[in-house]
N, C-alpha and C. Protein backbone atom coordinates (compact mmCIF):
# COMPACT_ATOMS: atom_id res chain seq x y z
N MET A 1 44.98 15.75 -71.48
CA MET A 1 45.63 17.01 -71.28
C MET A 1 47.28 17.22 -70.02
N SER A 2 47.86 17.86 -70.39
CA SER A 2 48.94 17.59 -70.25
C SER A 2 49.08 18.15 -68.53
N ASP A 3 50.25 18.04 -67.64
CA ASP A 3 49.94 19.19 -65.86
C ASP A 3 49.50 19.76 -65.85
N SER A 4 50.01 20.90 -67.11
CA SER A 4 50.14 22.27 -66.86
C SER A 4 48.72 22.84 -67.18
N ASP A 5 47.84 21.60 -68.03
CA ASP A 5 45.94 21.71 -68.05
C ASP A 5 45.23 21.58 -66.67
N GLN A 6 45.94 21.17 -65.49
CA GLN A 6 45.47 20.22 -64.61
C GLN A 6 45.02 21.53 -63.75
N PRO A 7 43.81 21.72 -63.46
CA PRO A 7 43.51 22.99 -61.88
C PRO A 7 44.45 23.33 -61.30
N GLY A 8 44.34 24.68 -60.78
CA GLY A 8 45.61 24.69 -59.41
C GLY A 8 47.22 23.73 -60.00
N ARG A 9 47.28 23.16 -61.27
CA ARG A 9 48.78 23.34 -61.48
C ARG A 9 49.48 24.18 -61.84
N ARG A 10 48.90 25.19 -62.38
CA ARG A 10 50.17 26.61 -62.44
C ARG A 10 50.72 26.78 -61.27
N GLU A 11 49.65 27.31 -60.58
CA GLU A 11 49.73 28.11 -58.95
C GLU A 11 50.13 27.24 -57.99
N HIS A 12 49.88 25.40 -57.77
CA HIS A 12 50.65 25.18 -57.34
C HIS A 12 52.41 25.54 -57.68
N ASP A 13 52.43 25.44 -59.36
CA ASP A 13 53.85 25.17 -59.93
C ASP A 13 55.00 26.56 -59.56
N CYS A 14 53.49 27.89 -59.65
CA CYS A 14 54.65 29.17 -59.15
C CYS A 14 54.47 28.90 -58.18
N ARG A 15 53.71 28.37 -56.55
CA ARG A 15 53.91 28.61 -55.01
C ARG A 15 55.46 27.65 -55.67
N ILE A 16 55.53 26.70 -55.77
CA ILE A 16 57.09 26.13 -55.60
C ILE A 16 58.47 26.57 -56.29
N GLY A 17 57.82 27.42 -57.07
CA GLY A 17 59.08 28.13 -57.70
C GLY A 17 59.54 28.62 -57.00
N ALA A 18 58.68 30.01 -55.88
CA ALA A 18 58.92 30.88 -54.72
C ALA A 18 59.65 30.35 -53.66
N VAL A 19 60.35 28.85 -54.01
CA VAL A 19 60.67 28.54 -52.57
C VAL A 19 61.86 29.25 -52.37
N ASN A 20 62.26 28.49 -53.57
CA ASN A 20 63.89 29.10 -54.06
C ASN A 20 64.63 30.55 -53.48
N ASP A 21 63.12 31.22 -53.94
CA ASP A 21 63.49 32.90 -54.02
C ASP A 21 63.47 33.46 -52.22
N LEU A 22 62.48 33.28 -51.15
CA LEU A 22 61.55 33.06 -50.50
C LEU A 22 63.01 32.57 -49.01
N TYR A 23 63.64 31.18 -49.28
CA TYR A 23 65.15 30.78 -48.69
C TYR A 23 66.47 31.49 -49.13
N GLY A 24 66.06 32.25 -50.21
CA GLY A 24 67.30 33.45 -50.42
C GLY A 24 67.54 34.53 -49.44
N ALA A 25 66.00 35.40 -50.14
CA ALA A 25 65.48 36.49 -49.15
C ALA A 25 65.61 36.10 -47.38
N LEU A 26 65.04 34.97 -47.31
CA LEU A 26 65.10 34.69 -45.77
C LEU A 26 66.60 34.60 -44.99
N VAL A 27 67.56 34.09 -45.73
CA VAL A 27 69.30 34.09 -45.81
C VAL A 27 69.93 35.35 -46.06
N GLY A 28 69.61 36.86 -46.88
CA GLY A 28 69.76 37.38 -46.54
C GLY A 28 69.44 38.57 -45.44
N ILE A 29 68.13 38.78 -45.21
CA ILE A 29 67.91 39.13 -44.48
C ILE A 29 68.36 38.77 -42.93
N THR A 30 68.16 37.32 -42.76
CA THR A 30 68.97 37.08 -41.37
C THR A 30 70.37 37.51 -41.33
N GLU A 31 71.12 37.62 -42.68
CA GLU A 31 72.85 37.67 -42.11
C GLU A 31 72.70 38.99 -42.63
N LEU A 32 71.64 39.86 -42.67
CA LEU A 32 71.42 41.64 -43.11
C LEU A 32 71.46 41.79 -41.59
N TYR A 33 70.87 41.30 -40.90
CA TYR A 33 70.05 41.53 -39.31
C TYR A 33 71.79 41.38 -37.82
N VAL A 34 71.81 40.17 -39.08
CA VAL A 34 72.64 39.64 -37.44
C VAL A 34 74.28 40.92 -38.01
N ARG A 35 74.62 41.19 -38.63
CA ARG A 35 75.78 41.87 -39.49
C ARG A 35 75.53 43.59 -39.14
N LEU A 36 74.02 43.51 -38.99
CA LEU A 36 73.73 45.32 -38.40
C LEU A 36 73.80 44.81 -36.74
N ALA A 37 73.21 44.35 -36.17
CA ALA A 37 73.59 44.09 -34.65
C ALA A 37 75.41 44.06 -34.06
N ASP A 38 75.58 42.71 -34.76
CA ASP A 38 77.37 42.81 -34.81
C ASP A 38 77.63 43.90 -34.80
N SER A 39 77.59 44.87 -35.80
CA SER A 39 78.22 46.44 -35.64
C SER A 39 78.52 47.53 -35.11
N GLY A 40 77.96 47.59 -33.33
CA GLY A 40 77.14 48.20 -33.21
C GLY A 40 76.46 49.33 -33.40
N ASP A 41 75.99 49.40 -34.61
CA ASP A 41 75.51 50.70 -35.20
C ASP A 41 74.05 51.52 -34.49
N CYS A 42 73.40 50.03 -33.73
CA CYS A 42 71.86 50.62 -33.31
C CYS A 42 72.25 49.99 -31.80
N GLY A 43 73.26 49.88 -31.72
CA GLY A 43 73.66 49.43 -29.78
C GLY A 43 74.05 47.85 -29.78
N PHE A 44 73.64 47.23 -28.68
CA PHE A 44 74.67 45.88 -28.49
C PHE A 44 73.81 45.26 -27.65
N TRP A 45 73.70 44.15 -28.91
CA TRP A 45 73.24 42.91 -28.18
C TRP A 45 73.18 41.41 -28.71
N ASN A 46 73.59 40.34 -28.16
CA ASN A 46 73.13 39.15 -29.05
C ASN A 46 71.98 38.63 -30.15
N PRO A 47 72.50 38.80 -31.77
CA PRO A 47 71.30 38.48 -32.54
C PRO A 47 70.86 36.88 -32.39
N GLU A 48 72.00 36.55 -32.04
CA GLU A 48 71.76 34.82 -31.56
C GLU A 48 70.50 34.92 -30.92
N GLY A 49 70.73 35.21 -29.69
CA GLY A 49 69.25 34.93 -28.58
C GLY A 49 68.17 35.41 -29.12
N VAL A 50 67.72 36.62 -29.98
CA VAL A 50 66.64 37.25 -31.09
C VAL A 50 65.66 36.42 -31.29
N ILE A 51 64.30 35.87 -31.14
CA ILE A 51 63.35 34.63 -30.95
C ILE A 51 63.21 34.90 -32.58
N GLU A 52 63.24 36.41 -33.49
CA GLU A 52 63.20 35.73 -35.12
C GLU A 52 64.37 34.90 -35.59
N VAL A 53 65.79 35.33 -34.99
CA VAL A 53 66.82 34.91 -35.83
C VAL A 53 66.71 33.59 -35.28
N ILE A 54 66.31 32.94 -34.45
CA ILE A 54 66.40 31.82 -33.93
C ILE A 54 65.65 30.70 -35.17
N SER A 55 64.18 31.67 -35.08
CA SER A 55 63.24 30.85 -36.00
C SER A 55 63.70 30.70 -37.37
N ALA A 56 64.77 31.37 -38.11
CA ALA A 56 64.80 31.99 -38.89
C ALA A 56 65.82 31.39 -39.45
N ARG A 57 66.25 30.99 -38.81
CA ARG A 57 68.36 29.82 -39.02
C ARG A 57 67.26 28.47 -38.51
N ALA A 58 66.11 27.69 -37.46
CA ALA A 58 65.77 26.27 -37.86
C ALA A 58 65.15 26.45 -39.18
N ALA A 59 64.10 27.54 -38.88
CA ALA A 59 63.15 27.01 -40.81
C ALA A 59 64.39 27.05 -41.86
N LEU A 60 65.44 27.27 -41.67
CA LEU A 60 66.22 27.20 -43.36
C LEU A 60 67.19 26.30 -43.32
N ALA A 61 67.21 25.88 -41.39
CA ALA A 61 67.89 23.99 -41.10
C ALA A 61 66.83 23.91 -41.71
N LYS A 62 66.09 23.51 -41.52
CA LYS A 62 64.92 22.31 -42.02
C LYS A 62 64.74 22.44 -43.60
N ALA A 63 64.40 23.55 -43.69
CA ALA A 63 64.60 23.72 -45.62
C ALA A 63 65.89 22.95 -46.36
N GLY A 64 67.02 23.40 -45.43
CA GLY A 64 68.13 22.71 -46.23
C GLY A 64 68.27 21.22 -45.51
N GLY A 65 67.36 20.55 -45.07
CA GLY A 65 67.88 19.53 -44.38
C GLY A 65 68.63 18.86 -43.35
N LYS A 66 68.61 20.03 -42.14
CA LYS A 66 69.86 19.84 -40.90
C LYS A 66 69.39 19.56 -39.92
N THR A 67 68.17 19.25 -39.71
CA THR A 67 66.96 18.95 -38.40
C THR A 67 67.05 18.00 -38.11
């Protein structure tokens, strides 16, 4: 029996495959949000002080081995 025939293996492989997509999406949305906040089009605030940006940056650093 090959690895791909093992129960749950296909689902596991799909989840692992999604990691790069999720990482890229989180990078993109974080950068978009920060650029929007920095533009002043939506008011003025420091996006780096927003808990979601802090959490996103921490998760990206952890995933990138920078913690």
